[in-house]
Amino acid sequence: ALIGWRCRLVTPPGGLILDPFAGSGSTGIAALRGGFQFVGVEKNAKWCEVARRRIVGDAPLLNRPEAPDGP
């Protein structure tokens, strides 16, 4: 709830949230639940996979193959 509040506090409706240290993906989940776009960056491959699984698990519509020309 706290991360969702922070997202709404500083980002316009439908805006883009950048998390340069995505970790386990909590900000990404809060952003997507709040109707924001999200870009997460994570250096550690282990945490990148954890974040991906959590976000896809929370937002199943993201779990789809990309079109050949992009998303």
PDB file of N, CA and C in Angstrom:
ATOM      1  N   ALA A   1       0.825  -1.197   0.000  1.00  0.00           N
ATOM      2  CA  ALA A   1       0.000   0.000   0.000  1.00  0.00           C
ATOM      3  C   ALA A   1       0.870   1.263   0.000  1.00  0.00           C
ATOM      4  N   LEU A   2       1.983   1.229   0.740  1.00  0.00           N
ATOM      5  CA  LEU A   2       2.860   2.393   0.816  1.00  0.00           C
ATOM      6  C   LEU A   2       3.486   2.705  -0.548  1.00  0.00           C
ATOM      7  N   ILE A   3       3.929   1.683  -1.245  1.00  0.00           N
ATOM      8  CA  ILE A   3       4.543   1.913  -2.557  1.00  0.00           C
ATOM      9  C   ILE A   3       3.500   2.437  -3.542  1.00  0.00           C
ATOM     10  N   GLY A   4       2.295   1.901  -3.488  1.00  0.00           N
ATOM     11  CA  GLY A   4       1.214   2.393  -4.353  1.00  0.00           C
ATOM     12  C   GLY A   4       0.922   3.856  -4.090  1.00  0.00           C
ATOM     13  N   TRP A   5       0.903   4.247  -2.830  1.00  0.00           N
ATOM     14  CA  TRP A   5       0.678   5.648  -2.459  1.00  0.00           C
ATOM     15  C   TRP A   5       1.790   6.525  -3.019  1.00  0.00           C
ATOM     16  N   ARG A   6       3.042   6.071  -2.901  1.00  0.00           N
ATOM     17  CA  ARG A   6       4.162   6.845  -3.446  1.00  0.00           C
ATOM     18  C   ARG A   6       4.039   7.001  -4.960  1.00  0.00           C
ATOM     19  N   CYS A   7       3.614   5.943  -5.637  1.00  0.00           N
ATOM     20  CA  CYS A   7       3.426   6.017  -7.088  1.00  0.00           C
ATOM     21  C   CYS A   7       2.400   7.091  -7.436  1.00  0.00           C
ATOM     22  N   ARG A   8       1.266   7.086  -6.743  1.00  0.00           N
ATOM     23  CA  ARG A   8       0.207   8.070  -7.013  1.00  0.00           C
ATOM     24  C   ARG A   8       0.627   9.482  -6.621  1.00  0.00           C
ATOM     25  N   LEU A   9       1.474   9.603  -5.625  1.00  0.00           N
ATOM     26  CA  LEU A   9       1.909  10.904  -5.135  1.00  0.00           C
ATOM     27  C   LEU A   9       2.742  11.668  -6.163  1.00  0.00           C
ATOM     28  N   VAL A  10       3.598  10.968  -6.879  1.00  0.00           N
ATOM     29  CA  VAL A  10       4.568  11.651  -7.740  1.00  0.00           C
ATOM     30  C   VAL A  10       4.379  11.402  -9.238  1.00  0.00           C
ATOM     31  N   THR A  11       3.400  10.582  -9.613  1.00  0.00           N
ATOM     32  CA  THR A  11       3.249  10.224 -11.025  1.00  0.00           C
ATOM     33  C   THR A  11       1.847  10.566 -11.510  1.00  0.00           C
ATOM     34  N   PRO A  12       1.726  11.242 -12.660  1.00  0.00           N
ATOM     35  CA  PRO A  12       0.392  11.546 -13.185  1.00  0.00           C
ATOM     36  C   PRO A  12      -0.331  10.259 -13.598  1.00  0.00           C
ATOM     37  N   PRO A  13      -1.655  10.284 -13.641  1.00  0.00           N
ATOM     38  CA  PRO A  13      -2.409   9.093 -14.046  1.00  0.00           C
ATOM     39  C   PRO A  13      -1.908   8.531 -15.376  1.00  0.00           C
ATOM     40  N   GLY A  14      -1.663   7.226 -15.389  1.00  0.00           N
ATOM     41  CA  GLY A  14      -1.184   6.560 -16.597  1.00  0.00           C
ATOM     42  C   GLY A  14       0.275   6.810 -16.900  1.00  0.00           C
ATOM     43  N   GLY A  15       0.979   7.517 -16.012  1.00  0.00           N
ATOM     44  CA  GLY A  15       2.377   7.872 -16.231  1.00  0.00           C
ATOM     45  C   GLY A  15       3.313   6.681 -16.153  1.00  0.00           C
ATOM     46  N   LEU A  16       4.569   6.962 -16.393  1.00  0.00           N
ATOM     47  CA  LEU A  16       5.615   5.943 -16.420  1.00  0.00           C
ATOM     48  C   LEU A  16       6.445   6.011 -15.146  1.00  0.00           C
ATOM     49  N   ILE A  17       6.624   4.875 -14.507  1.00  0.00           N
ATOM     50  CA  ILE A  17       7.437   4.780 -13.301  1.00  0.00           C
ATOM     51  C   ILE A  17       8.692   3.993 -13.645  1.00  0.00           C
ATOM     52  N   LEU A  18       9.841   4.566 -13.329  1.00  0.00           N
ATOM     53  CA  LEU A  18      11.132   3.917 -13.543  1.00  0.00           C
ATOM     54  C   LEU A  18      11.688   3.516 -12.189  1.00  0.00           C
ATOM     55  N   ASP A  19      12.034   2.247 -12.047  1.00  0.00           N
ATOM     56  CA  ASP A  19      12.685   1.769 -10.833  1.00  0.00           C
ATOM     57  C   ASP A  19      14.057   1.253 -11.236  1.00  0.00           C
ATOM     58  N   PRO A  20      15.121   2.051 -11.001  1.00  0.00           N
ATOM     59  CA  PRO A  20      16.453   1.646 -11.439  1.00  0.00           C
ATOM     60  C   PRO A  20      17.064   0.540 -10.586  1.00  0.00           C
ATOM     61  N   PHE A  21      16.436   0.187  -9.480  1.00  0.00           N
ATOM     62  CA  PHE A  21      16.905  -0.892  -8.613  1.00  0.00           C
ATOM     63  C   PHE A  21      15.691  -1.764  -8.286  1.00  0.00           C
ATOM     64  N   ALA A  22      15.223  -2.522  -9.272  1.00  0.00           N
ATOM     65  CA  ALA A  22      13.928  -3.201  -9.196  1.00  0.00           C
ATOM     66  C   ALA A  22      13.855  -4.287  -8.136  1.00  0.00           C
ATOM     67  N   GLY A  23      14.966  -4.903  -7.790  1.00  0.00           N
ATOM     68  CA  GLY A  23      14.951  -5.919  -6.739  1.00  0.00           C
ATOM     69  C   GLY A  23      13.907  -6.988  -6.993  1.00  0.00           C
ATOM     70  N   SER A  24      13.006  -7.182  -6.040  1.00  0.00           N
ATOM     71  CA  SER A  24      12.013  -8.251  -6.153  1.00  0.00           C
ATOM     72  C   SER A  24      10.750  -7.835  -6.900  1.00  0.00           C
ATOM     73  N   GLY A  25      10.673  -6.590  -7.371  1.00  0.00           N
ATOM     74  CA  GLY A  25       9.563  -6.163  -8.218  1.00  0.00           C
ATOM     75  C   GLY A  25       8.381  -5.524  -7.508  1.00  0.00           C
ATOM     76  N   SER A  26       8.515  -5.203  -6.234  1.00  0.00           N
ATOM     77  CA  SER A  26       7.384  -4.631  -5.490  1.00  0.00           C
ATOM     78  C   SER A  26       6.872  -3.330  -6.096  1.00  0.00           C
ATOM     79  N   THR A  27       7.785  -2.471  -6.534  1.00  0.00           N
ATOM     80  CA  THR A  27       7.353  -1.216  -7.141  1.00  0.00           C
ATOM     81  C   THR A  27       6.636  -1.482  -8.459  1.00  0.00           C
ATOM     82  N   GLY A  28       7.114  -2.437  -9.230  1.00  0.00           N
ATOM     83  CA  GLY A  28       6.457  -2.786 -10.485  1.00  0.00           C
ATOM     84  C   GLY A  28       5.039  -3.276 -10.273  1.00  0.00           C
ATOM     85  N   ILE A  29       4.849  -4.105  -9.268  1.00  0.00           N
ATOM     86  CA  ILE A  29       3.508  -4.605  -8.968  1.00  0.00           C
ATOM     87  C   ILE A  29       2.600  -3.449  -8.572  1.00  0.00           C
ATOM     88  N   ALA A  30       3.076  -2.590  -7.680  1.00  0.00           N
ATOM     89  CA  ALA A  30       2.268  -1.447  -7.239  1.00  0.00           C
ATOM     90  C   ALA A  30       1.946  -0.523  -8.403  1.00  0.00           C
ATOM     91  N   ALA A  31       2.925  -0.294  -9.278  1.00  0.00           N
ATOM     92  CA  ALA A  31       2.711   0.583 -10.425  1.00  0.00           C
ATOM     93  C   ALA A  31       1.637   0.020 -11.348  1.00  0.00           C
ATOM     94  N   LEU A  32       1.735  -1.247 -11.680  1.00  0.00           N
ATOM     95  CA  LEU A  32       0.771  -1.857 -12.592  1.00  0.00           C
ATOM     96  C   LEU A  32      -0.615  -1.930 -11.963  1.00  0.00           C
ATOM     97  N   ARG A  33      -0.687  -2.218 -10.680  1.00  0.00           N
ATOM     98  CA  ARG A  33      -1.989  -2.228  -9.997  1.00  0.00           C
ATOM     99  C   ARG A  33      -2.624  -0.843 -10.004  1.00  0.00           C
ATOM    100  N   GLY A  34      -1.779   0.199  -9.991  1.00  0.00           N
ATOM    101  CA  GLY A  34      -2.283   1.564  -9.981  1.00  0.00           C
ATOM    102  C   GLY A  34      -2.573   2.127 -11.361  1.00  0.00           C
ATOM    103  N   GLY A  35      -2.377   1.323 -12.404  1.00  0.00           N
ATOM    104  CA  GLY A  35      -2.666   1.769 -13.757  1.00  0.00           C
ATOM    105  C   GLY A  35      -1.542   2.555 -14.401  1.00  0.00           C
ATOM    106  N   PHE A  36      -0.324   2.429 -13.868  1.00  0.00           N
ATOM    107  CA  PHE A  36       0.836   3.118 -14.422  1.00  0.00           C
ATOM    108  C   PHE A  36       1.608   2.184 -15.345  1.00  0.00           C
ATOM    109  N   GLN A  37       2.422   2.761 -16.185  1.00  0.00           N
ATOM    110  CA  GLN A  37       3.391   1.998 -16.967  1.00  0.00           C
ATOM    111  C   GLN A  37       4.610   1.817 -16.066  1.00  0.00           C
ATOM    112  N   PHE A  38       5.400   0.798 -16.332  1.00  0.00           N
ATOM    113  CA  PHE A  38       6.532   0.509 -15.448  1.00  0.00           C
ATOM    114  C   PHE A  38       7.731   0.016 -16.229  1.00  0.00           C
ATOM    115  N   VAL A  39       8.907   0.532 -15.866  1.00  0.00           N
ATOM    116  CA  VAL A  39      10.179   0.031 -16.375  1.00  0.00           C
ATOM    117  C   VAL A  39      11.049  -0.253 -15.162  1.00  0.00           C
ATOM    118  N   GLY A  40      11.493  -1.488 -15.050  1.00  0.00           N
ATOM    119  CA  GLY A  40      12.367  -1.871 -13.944  1.00  0.00           C
ATOM    120  C   GLY A  40      13.730  -2.274 -14.470  1.00  0.00           C
ATOM    121  N   VAL A  41      14.767  -1.869 -13.762  1.00  0.00           N
ATOM    122  CA  VAL A  41      16.143  -2.212 -14.124  1.00  0.00           C
ATOM    123  C   VAL A  41      16.758  -2.920 -12.933  1.00  0.00           C
ATOM    124  N   GLU A  42      17.356  -4.072 -13.166  1.00  0.00           N
ATOM    125  CA  GLU A  42      18.001  -4.818 -12.091  1.00  0.00           C
ATOM    126  C   GLU A  42      19.269  -5.465 -12.616  1.00  0.00           C
ATOM    127  N   LYS A  43      20.374  -5.229 -11.953  1.00  0.00           N
ATOM    128  CA  LYS A  43      21.678  -5.733 -12.367  1.00  0.00           C
ATOM    129  C   LYS A  43      21.827  -7.234 -12.094  1.00  0.00           C
ATOM    130  N   ASN A  44      21.301  -7.682 -10.971  1.00  0.00           N
ATOM    131  CA  ASN A  44      21.465  -9.058 -10.538  1.00  0.00           C
ATOM    132  C   ASN A  44      20.449  -9.965 -11.239  1.00  0.00           C
ATOM    133  N   ALA A  45      20.939 -10.928 -11.996  1.00  0.00           N
ATOM    134  CA  ALA A  45      20.066 -11.803 -12.777  1.00  0.00           C
ATOM    135  C   ALA A  45      19.094 -12.576 -11.891  1.00  0.00           C
ATOM    136  N   LYS A  46      19.518 -12.976 -10.702  1.00  0.00           N
ATOM    137  CA  LYS A  46      18.636 -13.705  -9.789  1.00  0.00           C
ATOM    138  C   LYS A  46      17.428 -12.851  -9.425  1.00  0.00           C
ATOM    139  N   TRP A  47      17.662 -11.605  -9.032  1.00  0.00           N
ATOM    140  CA  TRP A  47      16.568 -10.724  -8.631  1.00  0.00           C
ATOM    141  C   TRP A  47      15.717 -10.317  -9.831  1.00  0.00           C
ATOM    142  N   CYS A  48      16.327 -10.222 -10.990  1.00  0.00           N
ATOM    143  CA  CYS A  48      15.568  -9.906 -12.198  1.00  0.00           C
ATOM    144  C   CYS A  48      14.531 -11.001 -12.460  1.00  0.00           C
ATOM    145  N   GLU A  49      14.930 -12.246 -12.303  1.00  0.00           N
ATOM    146  CA  GLU A  49      14.010 -13.361 -12.505  1.00  0.00           C
ATOM    147  C   GLU A  49      12.926 -13.383 -11.428  1.00  0.00           C
ATOM    148  N   VAL A  50      13.302 -13.096 -10.184  1.00  0.00           N
ATOM    149  CA  VAL A  50      12.312 -13.029  -9.096  1.00  0.00           C
ATOM    150  C   VAL A  50      11.275 -11.957  -9.416  1.00  0.00           C
ATOM    151  N   ALA A  51      11.731 -10.780  -9.823  1.00  0.00           N
ATOM    152  CA  ALA A  51      10.818  -9.678 -10.149  1.00  0.00           C
ATOM    153  C   ALA A  51       9.911 -10.053 -11.318  1.00  0.00           C
ATOM    154  N   ARG A  52      10.482 -10.652 -12.348  1.00  0.00           N
ATOM    155  CA  ARG A  52       9.683 -11.038 -13.507  1.00  0.00           C
ATOM    156  C   ARG A  52       8.571 -12.004 -13.101  1.00  0.00           C
ATOM    157  N   ARG A  53       8.912 -13.003 -12.316  1.00  0.00           N
ATOM    158  CA  ARG A  53       7.911 -13.988 -11.888  1.00  0.00           C
ATOM    159  C   ARG A  53       6.825 -13.343 -11.036  1.00  0.00           C
ATOM    160  N   ARG A  54       7.210 -12.467 -10.137  1.00  0.00           N
ATOM    161  CA  ARG A  54       6.217 -11.812  -9.276  1.00  0.00           C
ATOM    162  C   ARG A  54       5.295 -10.918 -10.092  1.00  0.00           C
ATOM    163  N   ILE A  55       5.865 -10.150 -11.014  1.00  0.00           N
ATOM    164  CA  ILE A  55       5.056  -9.219 -11.801  1.00  0.00           C
ATOM    165  C   ILE A  55       4.125  -9.977 -12.736  1.00  0.00           C
ATOM    166  N   VAL A  56       4.631 -10.988 -13.423  1.00  0.00           N
ATOM    167  CA  VAL A  56       3.788 -11.784 -14.315  1.00  0.00           C
ATOM    168  C   VAL A  56       2.724 -12.520 -13.514  1.00  0.00           C
ATOM    169  N   GLY A  57       3.061 -13.001 -12.327  1.00  0.00           N
ATOM    170  CA  GLY A  57       2.092 -13.675 -11.472  1.00  0.00           C
ATOM    171  C   GLY A  57       0.990 -12.742 -11.011  1.00  0.00           C
ATOM    172  N   ASP A  58       1.329 -11.471 -10.807  1.00  0.00           N
ATOM    173  CA  ASP A  58       0.352 -10.488 -10.350  1.00  0.00           C
ATOM    174  C   ASP A  58      -0.437  -9.892 -11.511  1.00  0.00           C
ATOM    175  N   ALA A  59       0.155  -9.854 -12.687  1.00  0.00           N
ATOM    176  CA  ALA A  59      -0.473  -9.250 -13.865  1.00  0.00           C
ATOM    177  C   ALA A  59      -0.409 -10.256 -15.016  1.00  0.00           C
ATOM    178  N   PRO A  60      -1.262 -11.285 -15.001  1.00  0.00           N
ATOM    179  CA  PRO A  60      -1.173 -12.355 -15.995  1.00  0.00           C
ATOM    180  C   PRO A  60      -1.256 -11.889 -17.447  1.00  0.00           C
ATOM    181  N   LEU A  61      -1.873 -10.743 -17.706  1.00  0.00           N
ATOM    182  CA  LEU A  61      -1.949 -10.273 -19.090  1.00  0.00           C
ATOM    183  C   LEU A  61      -0.577  -9.936 -19.650  1.00  0.00           C
ATOM    184  N   LEU A  62       0.416  -9.725 -18.762  1.00  0.00           N
ATOM    185  CA  LEU A  62       1.775  -9.480 -19.238  1.00  0.00           C
ATOM    186  C   LEU A  62       2.451 -10.767 -19.685  1.00  0.00           C
ATOM    187  N   ASN A  63       1.894 -11.903 -19.332  1.00  0.00           N
ATOM    188  CA  ASN A  63       2.489 -13.190 -19.643  1.00  0.00           C
ATOM    189  C   ASN A  63       2.000 -13.668 -21.005  1.00  0.00           C
ATOM    190  N   ARG A  64       2.425 -12.969 -22.011  1.00  0.00           N
ATOM    191  CA  ARG A  64       2.030 -13.314 -23.376  1.00  0.00           C
ATOM    192  C   ARG A  64       3.222 -13.107 -24.295  1.00  0.00           C
ATOM    193  N   PRO A  65       3.317 -13.897 -25.351  1.00  0.00           N
ATOM    194  CA  PRO A  65       4.453 -13.718 -26.272  1.00  0.00           C
ATOM    195  C   PRO A  65       4.366 -12.359 -26.975  1.00  0.00           C
ATOM    196  N   GLU A  66       5.524 -11.780 -27.197  1.00  0.00           N
ATOM    197  CA  GLU A  66       5.558 -10.491 -27.895  1.00  0.00           C
ATOM    198  C   GLU A  66       5.391 -10.709 -29.378  1.00  0.00           C
ATOM    199  N   ALA A  67       4.784  -9.732 -30.021  1.00  0.00           N
ATOM    200  CA  ALA A  67       4.640  -9.760 -31.476  1.00  0.00           C
ATOM    201  C   ALA A  67       6.017  -9.610 -32.102  1.00  0.00           C
ATOM    202  N   PRO A  68       6.224 -10.104 -33.312  1.00  0.00           N
ATOM    203  CA  PRO A  68       7.544 -10.001 -33.956  1.00  0.00           C
ATOM    204  C   PRO A  68       8.047  -8.571 -34.070  1.00  0.00           C
ATOM    205  N   ASP A  69       7.132  -7.586 -34.196  1.00  0.00           N
ATOM    206  CA  ASP A  69       7.555  -6.199 -34.340  1.00  0.00           C
ATOM    207  C   ASP A  69       7.627  -5.463 -33.008  1.00  0.00           C
ATOM    208  N   GLY A  70       7.519  -6.163 -31.883  1.00  0.00           N
ATOM    209  CA  GLY A  70       7.577  -5.537 -30.566  1.00  0.00           C
ATOM    210  C   GLY A  70       6.317  -5.820 -29.779  1.00  0.00           C
ATOM    211  N   PRO A  71       6.174  -5.145 -28.622  1.00  0.00           N
ATOM    212  CA  PRO A  71       5.023  -5.428 -27.764  1.00  0.00           C
ATOM    213  C   PRO A  71       3.699  -5.001 -28.354  1.00  0.00           C
TER     214      PRO A  71
END
